[in-house]
Protein backbone atom coordinates (compact mmCIF):
# COMPACT_ATOMS: atom_id res chain seq x y z
CA MET A 1 57.14 24.64 10.37
CA GLN A 2 56.27 21.42 12.01
CA LEU A 3 52.81 20.79 10.80
CA LYS A 4 54.40 20.87 7.43
CA ARG A 5 57.31 18.46 8.40
CA THR A 6 54.14 16.19 9.63
CA ALA A 7 52.00 15.84 7.00
CA THR A 8 55.35 15.28 4.41
CA ALA A 9 56.20 12.10 6.57
CA VAL A 10 52.96 11.14 6.30
CA LEU A 11 52.51 11.29 2.38
CA ALA A 12 55.57 9.35 2.40
CA VAL A 13 54.78 6.71 4.64
CA CYS A 14 51.92 6.09 2.54
CA ALA A 15 53.32 6.23 -0.73
CA LEU A 16 55.47 3.35 0.61
CA ALA A 17 52.42 1.44 2.20
CA ALA A 18 50.13 2.11 -1.46
CA CYS A 19 47.93 4.16 1.34
CA ARG A 20 44.19 4.31 -0.53
CA ALA A 21 40.37 4.74 0.70
CA GLU A 22 38.60 2.00 2.22
CA PRO A 23 36.60 -0.34 -0.06
CA VAL A 24 33.51 0.51 -1.46
CA ASP A 25 30.42 -1.39 0.43
CA PRO A 26 29.06 -2.62 -2.91
CA LEU A 27 25.71 -3.36 -0.55
CA LEU A 28 25.18 0.34 0.37
CA VAL A 29 24.52 3.09 -1.98
CA GLU A 30 23.34 6.40 -1.30
CA VAL A 31 20.11 7.46 -3.05
CA PRO A 32 17.87 10.56 -3.13
CA GLY A 33 16.16 10.42 0.65
CA GLY A 34 18.93 8.07 2.04
CA LEU A 35 21.04 5.45 2.03
CA VAL A 36 19.98 1.71 1.33
CA ARG A 37 21.52 -1.44 1.92
CA GLY A 38 20.51 -3.92 -0.28
CA ALA A 39 21.69 -8.16 -0.58
CA GLN A 40 23.67 -10.72 -2.37
CA LEU A 41 21.73 -12.71 -5.31
CA ASP A 42 23.69 -15.52 -6.69
CA GLY A 43 26.68 -12.96 -7.75
CA ASP A 44 24.75 -10.40 -8.03
CA LEU A 45 23.40 -6.99 -6.50
CA VAL A 46 19.63 -6.47 -5.44
CA PHE A 47 17.68 -3.91 -3.91
CA ARG A 48 14.09 -4.28 -3.53
CA GLY A 49 11.92 -1.05 -2.72
CA ILE A 50 13.69 1.88 -2.98
CA PRO A 51 11.45 4.55 -2.38
CA TYR A 52 11.45 7.06 -5.71
CA ALA A 53 8.69 9.03 -4.59
CA ALA A 54 6.98 10.64 -1.85
CA ALA A 55 3.72 8.48 -0.40
CA PRO A 56 1.15 9.35 -2.56
CA LEU A 57 -1.62 10.00 0.92
CA GLY A 58 -3.78 12.80 2.06
CA LYS A 59 -3.42 15.95 -0.06
CA LEU A 60 -0.60 14.01 -2.73
CA ARG A 61 -3.40 11.41 -3.81
CA TRP A 62 -4.35 12.10 -7.22
CA GLN A 63 -0.97 14.39 -7.63
CA PRO A 64 1.80 13.88 -9.18
CA PRO A 65 4.28 12.07 -7.70
CA GLN A 66 6.49 14.53 -5.72
CA PRO A 67 10.49 13.35 -4.32
CA ALA A 68 10.78 10.63 -2.09
CA SER A 69 10.90 11.95 1.58
CA GLY A 70 14.35 10.88 3.59
CA TRP A 71 15.27 8.67 6.47
CA GLU A 72 17.58 8.52 8.68
CA GLY A 73 20.63 6.08 8.90
CA GLU A 74 20.54 2.80 6.37
CA ARG A 75 16.68 1.83 4.36
CA ASP A 76 17.09 -2.36 4.45
CA VAL A 77 15.88 -2.89 0.67
CA THR A 78 16.25 -6.56 1.07
CA GLN A 79 12.49 -7.63 1.33
CA ASN A 80 9.73 -7.54 -1.23
CA ALA A 81 7.83 -4.02 -1.02
CA PRO A 82 4.05 -3.69 -0.15
CA ALA A 83 2.61 -3.48 -3.32
CA CYS A 84 0.15 -0.67 -4.41
CA PRO A 85 -3.22 -0.92 -3.17
CA GLN A 86 -5.70 -3.76 -5.04
CA ILE A 87 -8.44 -5.80 -4.88
CA SER A 88 -7.72 -9.68 -5.00
CA GLU A 89 -9.14 -11.15 -8.17
CA GLY A 90 -7.53 -15.06 -7.79
CA TRP A 91 -4.04 -14.68 -9.72
CA ASN A 92 -3.21 -11.17 -7.48
CA GLN A 93 -3.97 -13.28 -3.95
CA ALA A 94 -0.51 -12.36 -2.60
CA GLN A 95 -0.17 -8.44 -3.54
CA ALA A 96 -4.04 -8.11 -2.79
CA ASP A 97 -2.55 -9.63 1.21
CA PHE A 98 -0.16 -7.54 1.22
CA TRP A 99 -0.38 -3.78 0.08
CA ASP A 100 0.34 0.04 1.00
CA GLU A 101 -0.68 3.03 -0.41
CA ASP A 102 2.89 4.00 0.21
CA CYS A 103 3.84 1.89 -2.86
CA LEU A 104 5.85 3.93 -5.26
CA THR A 105 8.86 2.05 -5.40
CA LEU A 106 11.15 0.69 -7.92
CA ASP A 107 13.83 -3.25 -7.56
CA ILE A 108 16.87 -3.12 -8.63
CA ARG A 109 18.98 -6.38 -9.70
CA THR A 110 22.55 -5.36 -11.00
CA PRO A 111 26.08 -7.53 -11.45
CA SER A 112 28.36 -4.58 -11.06
CA ARG A 113 28.20 -1.63 -9.72
CA GLU A 114 31.26 -0.79 -11.74
CA GLY A 115 30.74 0.39 -15.29
CA LYS A 116 27.63 1.73 -17.61
CA LEU A 117 25.79 -1.44 -18.45
CA PRO A 118 22.31 -1.36 -20.63
CA VAL A 119 19.46 -0.91 -18.18
CA MET A 120 16.18 -2.77 -18.83
CA VAL A 121 13.35 -1.31 -16.79
CA TRP A 122 9.98 -3.59 -16.37
CA ILE A 123 6.21 -2.32 -16.24
CA HIS A 124 4.68 -4.81 -14.55
CA GLY A 125 0.63 -5.91 -16.07
CA GLY A 126 -2.87 -6.29 -14.18
CA SER A 127 -5.38 -4.55 -15.92
CA ASN A 128 -3.77 -1.05 -14.18
CA ARG A 129 -5.35 -2.39 -11.02
CA ALA A 130 -3.54 -5.40 -9.83
CA GLY A 131 -0.03 -6.52 -9.83
CA ASN A 132 3.13 -5.43 -8.63
CA ALA A 133 7.15 -5.05 -9.45
CA GLY A 134 7.81 -8.55 -8.38
CA GLY A 135 10.21 -10.88 -11.38
CA PRO A 136 12.99 -8.83 -12.59
CA ALA A 137 14.74 -8.72 -8.83
CA ASP A 138 14.86 -12.86 -9.18
CA SER A 139 15.58 -12.74 -13.14
CA ASN A 140 18.25 -13.41 -14.35
CA MET A 141 18.55 -11.61 -16.92
CA THR A 142 21.69 -9.89 -15.71
CA ALA A 143 23.51 -12.71 -17.01
CA GLN A 144 23.03 -10.81 -19.68
CA GLY A 145 25.16 -7.97 -18.89
CA VAL A 146 22.31 -5.70 -18.24
CA VAL A 147 20.36 -3.89 -15.43
CA HIS A 148 17.65 -4.91 -14.12
CA VAL A 149 15.16 -2.86 -12.96
CA ALA A 150 10.96 -3.07 -12.35
CA ILE A 151 8.53 -0.17 -11.21
CA GLN A 152 5.76 0.23 -8.87
CA TYR A 153 3.09 2.92 -10.21
CA ARG A 154 -0.64 3.78 -8.62
CA LEU A 155 -3.49 0.99 -9.64
CA GLY A 156 -7.28 1.92 -10.14
CA LEU A 157 -8.93 4.63 -8.99
CA LEU A 158 -5.88 5.93 -7.18
CA GLY A 159 -4.23 5.43 -10.72
CA PHE A 160 -6.76 6.62 -13.42
CA LEU A 161 -9.09 9.34 -11.80
CA SER A 162 -10.27 11.70 -13.77
CA HIS A 163 -12.61 14.53 -12.09
CA PRO A 164 -13.82 17.86 -12.89
CA GLU A 165 -12.23 19.03 -9.67
CA LEU A 166 -9.11 17.59 -10.04
CA SER A 167 -8.50 19.05 -13.54
CA ALA A 168 -9.10 22.47 -12.24
CA GLU A 169 -6.26 21.39 -9.88
CA GLY A 170 -4.30 19.92 -12.20
CA GLU A 171 -4.03 23.13 -14.68
CA GLY A 172 -6.62 21.40 -17.25
CA GLY A 173 -5.74 17.49 -17.25
CA SER A 174 -5.96 14.44 -14.83
CA GLY A 175 -6.53 10.60 -14.42
CA ASN A 176 -3.42 9.36 -16.19
CA TYR A 177 -1.33 9.51 -12.46
CA ALA A 178 0.11 5.41 -12.93
CA LEU A 179 1.55 7.18 -15.93
CA MET A 180 3.44 10.16 -14.58
CA ASP A 181 4.79 8.24 -11.77
CA GLN A 182 5.92 5.61 -14.69
CA ILE A 183 7.51 8.77 -16.08
CA PHE A 184 8.68 10.10 -12.69
CA ALA A 185 10.02 6.19 -11.92
CA LEU A 186 12.13 6.83 -15.19
CA GLN A 187 13.84 10.22 -13.97
CA TRP A 188 15.39 8.76 -11.91
CA VAL A 189 16.36 5.85 -13.50
CA ARG A 190 17.77 8.95 -15.46
CA ASP A 191 19.16 10.42 -12.23
CA ASN A 192 20.56 7.35 -10.27
CA ILE A 193 20.99 4.51 -12.15
CA HIS A 194 24.85 5.12 -13.15
CA MET A 195 25.06 4.29 -8.82
CA PHE A 196 24.33 0.97 -9.88
CA GLY A 197 26.55 0.21 -12.40
CA GLY A 198 23.90 0.82 -15.17
CA ASP A 199 23.73 3.48 -17.95
CA PRO A 200 21.34 6.27 -18.24
CA ASP A 201 21.65 6.35 -21.86
CA ASN A 202 21.15 3.05 -23.20
CA VAL A 203 17.58 2.48 -21.81
CA THR A 204 14.97 0.52 -22.82
CA ILE A 205 11.58 -0.25 -21.37
CA TYR A 206 8.79 -3.19 -21.52
CA GLY A 207 6.08 -4.67 -20.34
CA GLU A 208 3.55 -7.36 -20.30
CA SER A 209 -0.65 -6.63 -20.59
CA ALA A 210 -1.39 -3.41 -19.06
CA GLY A 211 2.50 -2.45 -18.61
CA SER A 212 2.47 -3.34 -22.09
CA GLN A 213 0.16 -0.42 -22.85
CA ASP A 214 1.61 1.42 -20.57
CA THR A 215 5.05 0.77 -22.19
CA SER A 216 3.23 2.06 -25.90
CA LEU A 217 1.61 5.53 -24.30
CA LEU A 218 5.26 6.40 -22.78
CA LEU A 219 6.44 6.45 -26.57
CA ALA A 220 3.82 8.57 -27.07
CA ALA A 221 3.92 10.88 -23.61
CA PRO A 222 6.08 14.21 -24.63
CA ALA A 223 7.27 14.35 -20.75
CA ALA A 224 9.00 10.35 -21.11
CA GLN A 225 11.01 11.71 -24.15
CA GLY A 226 14.49 10.70 -23.72
CA LEU A 227 13.83 8.88 -21.36
CA PHE A 228 14.07 5.60 -22.66
CA HIS A 229 15.71 4.35 -26.03
CA LYS A 230 14.24 1.11 -26.88
CA ALA A 231 10.73 -0.34 -26.07
CA ILE A 232 9.13 -4.42 -25.90
CA LEU A 233 5.68 -4.65 -25.78
CA GLN A 234 4.15 -8.15 -24.99
CA SER A 235 0.79 -7.90 -25.51
CA GLY A 236 -0.61 -4.97 -25.08
CA THR A 237 -1.34 -1.31 -27.24
CA TRP A 238 -2.80 1.84 -26.75
CA GLY A 239 -6.60 1.20 -26.25
CA PHE A 240 -6.23 -2.23 -26.68
CA GLY A 241 -8.39 -1.83 -29.71
CA MET A 242 -10.96 0.26 -27.53
CA PRO A 243 -11.66 4.17 -28.77
CA PHE A 244 -9.41 6.33 -27.03
CA ARG A 245 -11.69 8.02 -23.89
CA SER A 246 -11.83 11.94 -23.59
CA LEU A 247 -11.72 14.20 -21.07
CA GLU A 248 -14.30 15.25 -20.72
CA ASP A 249 -16.23 11.68 -20.57
CA ALA A 250 -13.77 10.79 -18.06
CA GLU A 251 -14.28 13.33 -16.29
CA GLU A 252 -17.90 12.31 -16.24
CA LEU A 253 -17.51 8.94 -14.64
CA GLY A 254 -15.34 10.38 -11.75
CA ALA A 255 -17.80 13.34 -11.04
CA ASN A 256 -20.15 10.08 -10.24
CA LEU A 257 -18.16 9.42 -7.07
CA GLY A 258 -18.46 12.27 -5.49
CA PRO A 259 -15.99 15.50 -4.33
CA VAL A 260 -12.40 15.18 -4.21
CA GLN A 261 -12.77 16.41 -0.72
CA ALA A 262 -14.62 13.67 0.24
CA LEU A 263 -12.67 10.95 -1.55
CA ARG A 264 -9.45 11.76 -0.39
CA ALA A 265 -11.00 11.85 3.24
CA LEU A 266 -11.48 7.57 2.50
CA SER A 267 -9.41 4.89 3.72
CA VAL A 268 -7.96 3.21 1.06
CA GLU A 269 -10.55 0.40 1.64
CA ASP A 270 -13.59 2.86 0.77
CA ILE A 271 -11.71 3.11 -2.29
CA LEU A 272 -11.25 -0.29 -3.45
CA GLU A 273 -14.26 -0.31 -2.08
CA ARG A 274 -16.05 2.41 -4.72
CA GLN A 275 -13.84 1.00 -7.39
CA ARG A 276 -15.70 -2.37 -7.58
CA GLY A 277 -18.71 -0.69 -9.18
CA PHE A 278 -16.75 1.43 -10.80
CA GLY A 279 -16.81 0.94 -15.00
CA ASP A 280 -17.45 2.80 -18.29
CA PRO A 281 -20.79 2.31 -19.83
CA ALA A 282 -19.41 2.35 -23.25
CA LEU A 283 -17.53 -1.03 -22.94
CA GLY A 284 -18.95 -4.65 -22.99
CA ASP A 285 -16.07 -5.64 -20.80
CA PRO A 286 -16.48 -4.10 -17.23
CA PHE A 287 -12.80 -4.89 -16.34
CA ALA A 288 -11.34 -3.09 -19.06
CA VAL A 289 -12.39 0.22 -17.34
CA PHE A 290 -8.39 1.63 -16.65
CA LEU A 291 -7.46 -0.16 -20.19
CA ARG A 292 -9.07 2.21 -22.34
CA THR A 293 -6.73 5.28 -23.01
CA THR A 294 -7.86 8.49 -21.97
CA VAL A 295 -6.61 11.32 -23.51
CA ASP A 296 -5.99 13.99 -20.63
CA GLY A 297 -4.74 16.69 -21.95
CA THR A 298 -1.96 16.30 -19.63
CA VAL A 299 0.42 13.05 -20.21
CA LEU A 300 -1.32 12.60 -23.16
CA PRO A 301 -2.07 16.10 -24.65
CA ASP A 302 -3.43 14.78 -28.11
CA THR A 303 -4.45 10.33 -29.09
CA PRO A 304 -0.61 8.82 -28.79
CA ASP A 305 -0.75 7.32 -32.30
CA ARG A 306 -0.43 10.95 -33.38
CA LEU A 307 2.09 12.08 -31.23
CA VAL A 308 4.17 9.29 -31.78
CA ALA A 309 4.63 11.06 -35.58
CA ASN A 310 6.62 13.97 -33.16
CA HIS A 311 8.93 11.69 -31.90
CA THR A 312 12.48 10.66 -32.76
CA PRO A 313 12.12 6.79 -34.16
CA ARG A 314 13.71 4.03 -31.18
CA PRO A 315 13.86 -0.03 -31.89
CA VAL A 316 10.43 -1.42 -30.81
CA ILE A 317 9.66 -4.92 -30.74
CA ILE A 318 5.95 -5.70 -30.59
CA GLY A 319 4.26 -9.07 -29.54
CA THR A 320 1.23 -11.17 -29.08
CA ASP A 321 0.72 -14.65 -27.77
CA LYS A 322 -1.98 -16.98 -30.31
CA VAL A 323 -4.59 -17.04 -27.52
CA GLU A 324 -4.94 -14.69 -25.55
CA PHE A 325 -8.23 -14.45 -23.32
CA GLY A 326 -11.68 -14.05 -23.93
CA PRO A 327 -15.36 -16.30 -23.05
CA ALA A 328 -14.46 -19.96 -21.55
CA SER A 329 -16.65 -21.13 -24.42
CA ASP A 330 -18.95 -20.32 -27.29
CA GLU A 331 -22.14 -20.59 -24.88
CA MET A 332 -22.57 -16.99 -25.21
CA ASP A 333 -24.35 -14.32 -27.10
CA LEU A 334 -21.57 -14.32 -29.91
CA GLN A 335 -22.97 -11.65 -31.68
CA SER A 336 -23.40 -8.71 -28.69
CA HIS A 337 -19.48 -10.16 -28.24
CA ALA A 338 -18.19 -9.63 -32.13
CA GLY A 339 -20.06 -6.19 -32.15
CA ASN A 340 -18.00 -4.86 -28.64
CA TRP A 341 -15.10 -5.88 -30.42
CA PHE A 342 -15.38 -4.94 -33.99
CA PRO A 343 -18.14 -2.07 -33.50
CA GLY A 344 -20.19 -1.54 -36.58
CA ASN A 345 -18.96 -5.26 -38.07
CA GLY A 346 -19.92 -7.50 -35.32
CA ALA A 347 -22.32 -9.17 -38.19
CA ALA A 348 -20.27 -9.56 -40.69
CA ALA A 349 -16.75 -10.23 -38.29
CA LEU A 350 -18.85 -13.07 -36.79
CA SER A 351 -19.73 -14.78 -40.37
CA ALA A 352 -15.91 -14.23 -40.99
CA TYR A 353 -14.60 -16.09 -37.88
CA ARG A 354 -17.65 -18.69 -38.50
CA GLU A 355 -16.67 -19.43 -41.78
CA GLU A 356 -12.37 -19.70 -40.73
CA GLU A 357 -11.26 -23.03 -41.19
CA ALA A 358 -10.57 -25.04 -38.04
CA ASP A 359 -7.32 -24.04 -35.97
CA PRO A 360 -6.78 -26.41 -33.04
CA ARG A 361 -4.25 -23.51 -31.52
CA ARG A 362 -6.73 -20.72 -31.82
CA ALA A 363 -9.28 -21.95 -29.67
CA HIS A 364 -13.16 -21.33 -29.85
CA ILE A 365 -14.91 -18.36 -31.67
CA ALA A 366 -15.74 -15.96 -28.97
CA MET A 367 -11.80 -16.90 -27.44
CA ARG A 368 -10.58 -15.91 -31.04
CA ILE A 369 -12.66 -12.66 -31.38
CA GLN A 370 -11.15 -11.10 -28.18
CA SER A 371 -7.52 -12.46 -28.82
CA ASP A 372 -8.02 -10.71 -32.18
CA GLY A 373 -9.99 -7.78 -31.36
CA GLU A 374 -8.17 -6.87 -28.34
CA PHE A 375 -4.60 -7.65 -29.11
CA HIS A 376 -3.83 -9.08 -32.45
CA CYS A 377 -5.12 -6.16 -34.80
CA PRO A 378 -4.13 -3.69 -32.67
CA ALA A 379 -0.47 -5.04 -32.32
CA ASP A 380 -0.68 -5.06 -36.45
CA ARG A 381 -1.52 -1.99 -36.60
CA MET A 382 0.59 -0.24 -34.76
CA ALA A 383 3.68 -2.14 -35.90
CA ASN A 384 2.64 -0.75 -39.43
CA LEU A 385 2.28 3.24 -38.24
CA LEU A 386 5.80 2.78 -36.65
CA ALA A 387 6.94 1.34 -39.50
CA GLU A 388 5.59 3.77 -41.50
CA LEU A 389 7.20 6.47 -39.09
CA GLY A 390 10.55 5.06 -39.51
CA TRP A 391 10.73 3.15 -36.69
CA PRO A 392 12.35 -0.30 -36.62
CA VAL A 393 10.14 -2.76 -35.37
CA TRP A 394 9.95 -5.99 -35.05
CA ARG A 395 6.34 -8.53 -34.67
CA TYR A 396 6.58 -11.68 -33.06
CA GLU A 397 3.68 -14.07 -32.04
CA PHE A 398 4.31 -16.61 -29.58
CA ASP A 399 2.50 -20.01 -29.49
CA ILE A 400 3.48 -22.43 -26.34
CA GLY A 401 2.01 -24.00 -23.82
CA GLU A 402 1.79 -25.95 -20.65
CA ASP A 403 2.19 -29.50 -21.93
CA GLY A 404 1.49 -29.20 -25.53
CA GLY A 405 -1.77 -27.20 -24.56
CA LEU A 406 -2.85 -23.39 -25.98
CA THR A 407 -0.52 -20.92 -24.65
CA ARG A 408 -2.54 -17.92 -22.92
CA HIS A 409 -2.02 -14.36 -21.88
CA ALA A 410 0.90 -13.79 -19.32
CA TYR A 411 2.55 -17.15 -20.11
CA GLU A 412 5.78 -15.93 -22.10
CA ILE A 413 6.99 -13.88 -19.21
CA GLY A 414 8.78 -17.12 -17.88
CA PHE A 415 10.35 -17.40 -21.08
CA VAL A 416 12.20 -13.67 -20.64
CA PHE A 417 12.83 -13.77 -16.96
CA ASP A 418 14.00 -17.43 -16.78
CA ARG A 419 15.71 -18.00 -20.24
CA VAL A 420 13.52 -20.81 -20.53
CA GLU A 421 14.79 -22.63 -24.08
CA ILE A 422 12.06 -22.34 -26.75
CA GLY A 423 11.94 -24.12 -30.14
CA SER A 424 14.81 -24.42 -32.59
CA GLY A 425 17.06 -23.72 -29.26
CA ALA A 426 16.13 -20.01 -29.19
CA HIS A 427 15.40 -18.08 -26.05
CA LEU A 428 12.86 -14.94 -25.53
CA GLN A 429 15.50 -13.87 -23.65
CA ASP A 430 18.09 -13.94 -25.63
CA TYR A 431 16.09 -11.61 -28.08
CA TRP A 432 15.14 -9.08 -25.35
CA ALA A 433 18.33 -8.78 -23.90
CA ALA A 434 20.07 -8.30 -27.33
CA LEU A 435 17.64 -5.46 -28.17
CA ALA A 436 18.29 -3.63 -25.43
CA VAL A 437 22.53 -3.94 -25.37
CA THR A 438 22.41 -2.96 -29.45
CA GLY A 439 19.03 -2.15 -31.02
CA ASP A 440 18.79 -5.27 -32.57
CA PRO A 441 17.29 -8.27 -31.41
CA ASN A 442 20.19 -10.03 -33.73
CA GLY A 443 22.35 -8.81 -31.63
CA SER A 444 25.08 -9.71 -28.87
CA THR A 445 24.83 -9.93 -25.72
CA ASP A 446 27.31 -11.64 -22.71
CA ILE A 447 24.83 -15.26 -22.86
CA ALA A 448 23.20 -14.82 -26.16
CA THR A 449 23.59 -18.31 -28.12
CA ASP A 450 23.34 -18.38 -32.12
CA ARG A 451 19.55 -17.83 -32.87
CA PRO A 452 17.39 -17.64 -36.10
CA LEU A 453 17.34 -14.49 -37.90
CA TRP A 454 14.48 -11.91 -37.06
CA GLU A 455 13.30 -9.80 -39.90
CA ARG A 456 12.13 -6.43 -39.89
CA TRP A 457 8.36 -5.98 -39.90
CA ASN A 458 7.19 -4.02 -43.08
CA PRO A 459 3.78 -3.23 -43.58
CA VAL A 460 3.96 -3.93 -47.82
CA ALA A 461 5.49 -7.50 -47.42
CA PRO A 462 4.90 -8.31 -43.09
CA LEU A 463 7.19 -11.19 -42.00
CA GLN A 464 6.97 -11.69 -38.10
CA MET A 465 8.78 -14.51 -35.64
CA ARG A 466 6.67 -17.59 -34.64
CA PHE A 467 7.95 -18.84 -31.25
CA THR A 468 6.55 -22.65 -30.87
CA ALA A 469 7.69 -25.11 -28.94
CA ALA A 470 8.70 -26.59 -32.49
CA ASP A 471 10.50 -24.03 -33.88
CA THR A 472 11.36 -20.39 -34.13
CA ALA A 473 10.97 -19.12 -37.16
CA MET A 474 10.11 -16.27 -39.55
CA GLU A 475 5.84 -16.45 -40.72
CA ALA A 476 4.98 -14.37 -44.02
CA GLY A 477 1.67 -12.69 -43.91
CA THR A 478 -0.30 -11.46 -41.11
CA PRO A 479 -2.46 -14.03 -40.27
CA ARG A 480 -5.33 -12.09 -38.99
CA ALA A 481 -5.88 -9.33 -41.65
CA ARG A 482 -9.05 -10.97 -42.70
CA PHE A 483 -10.74 -10.45 -39.42
CA CYS A 484 -8.77 -6.95 -38.94
CA ALA A 485 -10.62 -5.38 -41.40
CA PHE A 486 -13.58 -5.23 -39.25
CA ALA A 487 -11.96 -3.24 -36.66
CA SER A 488 -12.24 0.41 -35.96
CA ALA A 489 -8.86 2.64 -36.62
CA TYR A 490 -9.07 3.68 -32.52
């Protein structure tokens, strides 16, 4: 009886004093594995290097990702996490100096842990052999009213090795471990992003270069369906214009490296050294070995162009830079170069390029050939395919460079992350965020300003948005149609 009276008295005191629970620490979040503590940045909450999967070490090397291992106490996630193992190519020196095989982490920047905000997930580029998740955690994209996420995934041989022994372990397929990582990270986002104020039912994936290609492959991969709802492709589509690689061909390349047991016993440094000489004899460009899409039988049970026909249409932006990249000059074997990007039609394609009216914004012939064969023509082809299948598609070409010069591959990223103004006072970030928030790049967000109407792509009467320093405007037709007629289907 005394206990009952005491409890009643406590309740009465709480009612008078407006008792409530201790305030929640917004920087402390419980995720699978344990507690993580982030930091504040310009009013946002930032969490860097949260493990979304176990370290792919030892027996887990060349295996599907597994749930993250647990840790004791609070894990500090205020500093940049190591990149995945990679060789320096100059531009990625910082990542080549700071990597670890235990690299399956993600970054999150959110305006608030309350509510259900749209989520944007960035997949970084780097030819699937370099790069890291840096960028979104320092981007002001969150001012648009979204939660910004960036993921890391295994690179190079560690992320894309096919091998007969691995296929036997994987019940018939091997090779696309990096895509498995990305799918696993998206599953983590689905299950946990609500704790960071994100809406798991409104997720947009986007990326640039290899990250854009991987985004396109996630549109096709059956296991990725339902994990995201919109996509943005910046300079990259499945295969980059190269024919799809069969599992058998990929296994043959991998078998040349030796037995899997011996490969698993190697140090990461030894793996990277073997990667230096790893190539695909079917490709004219040795650096493209991890960009050619392998139809592995597991992640991709069929070719991507056939797989997407079975999936629910989703809004997609597909774009290219007017100049992407290629040889520094025409002082080379142009005939061989044209044959590489337009197989079987190299001579005819080269003749057409030589007859093309000079365009100072398109650079020299060798650059035009590779920009078209690797980027523009595959992007047009994918836009046509998706639009014909009923997908809402918006196509763009970006033509802004430093000090009025030619644009280049990846230059548009800063305009997206930092909301840099482009022609006519518009902002790429506004279009990107509007797609994420509303499903239409013409929609409204927390800060999006008025901007030129971006009309949808129609294969019968195509229109694409042209972004230049002078204006942002719709452009009729397909500027590369004459040259893309020489390209292979896939």
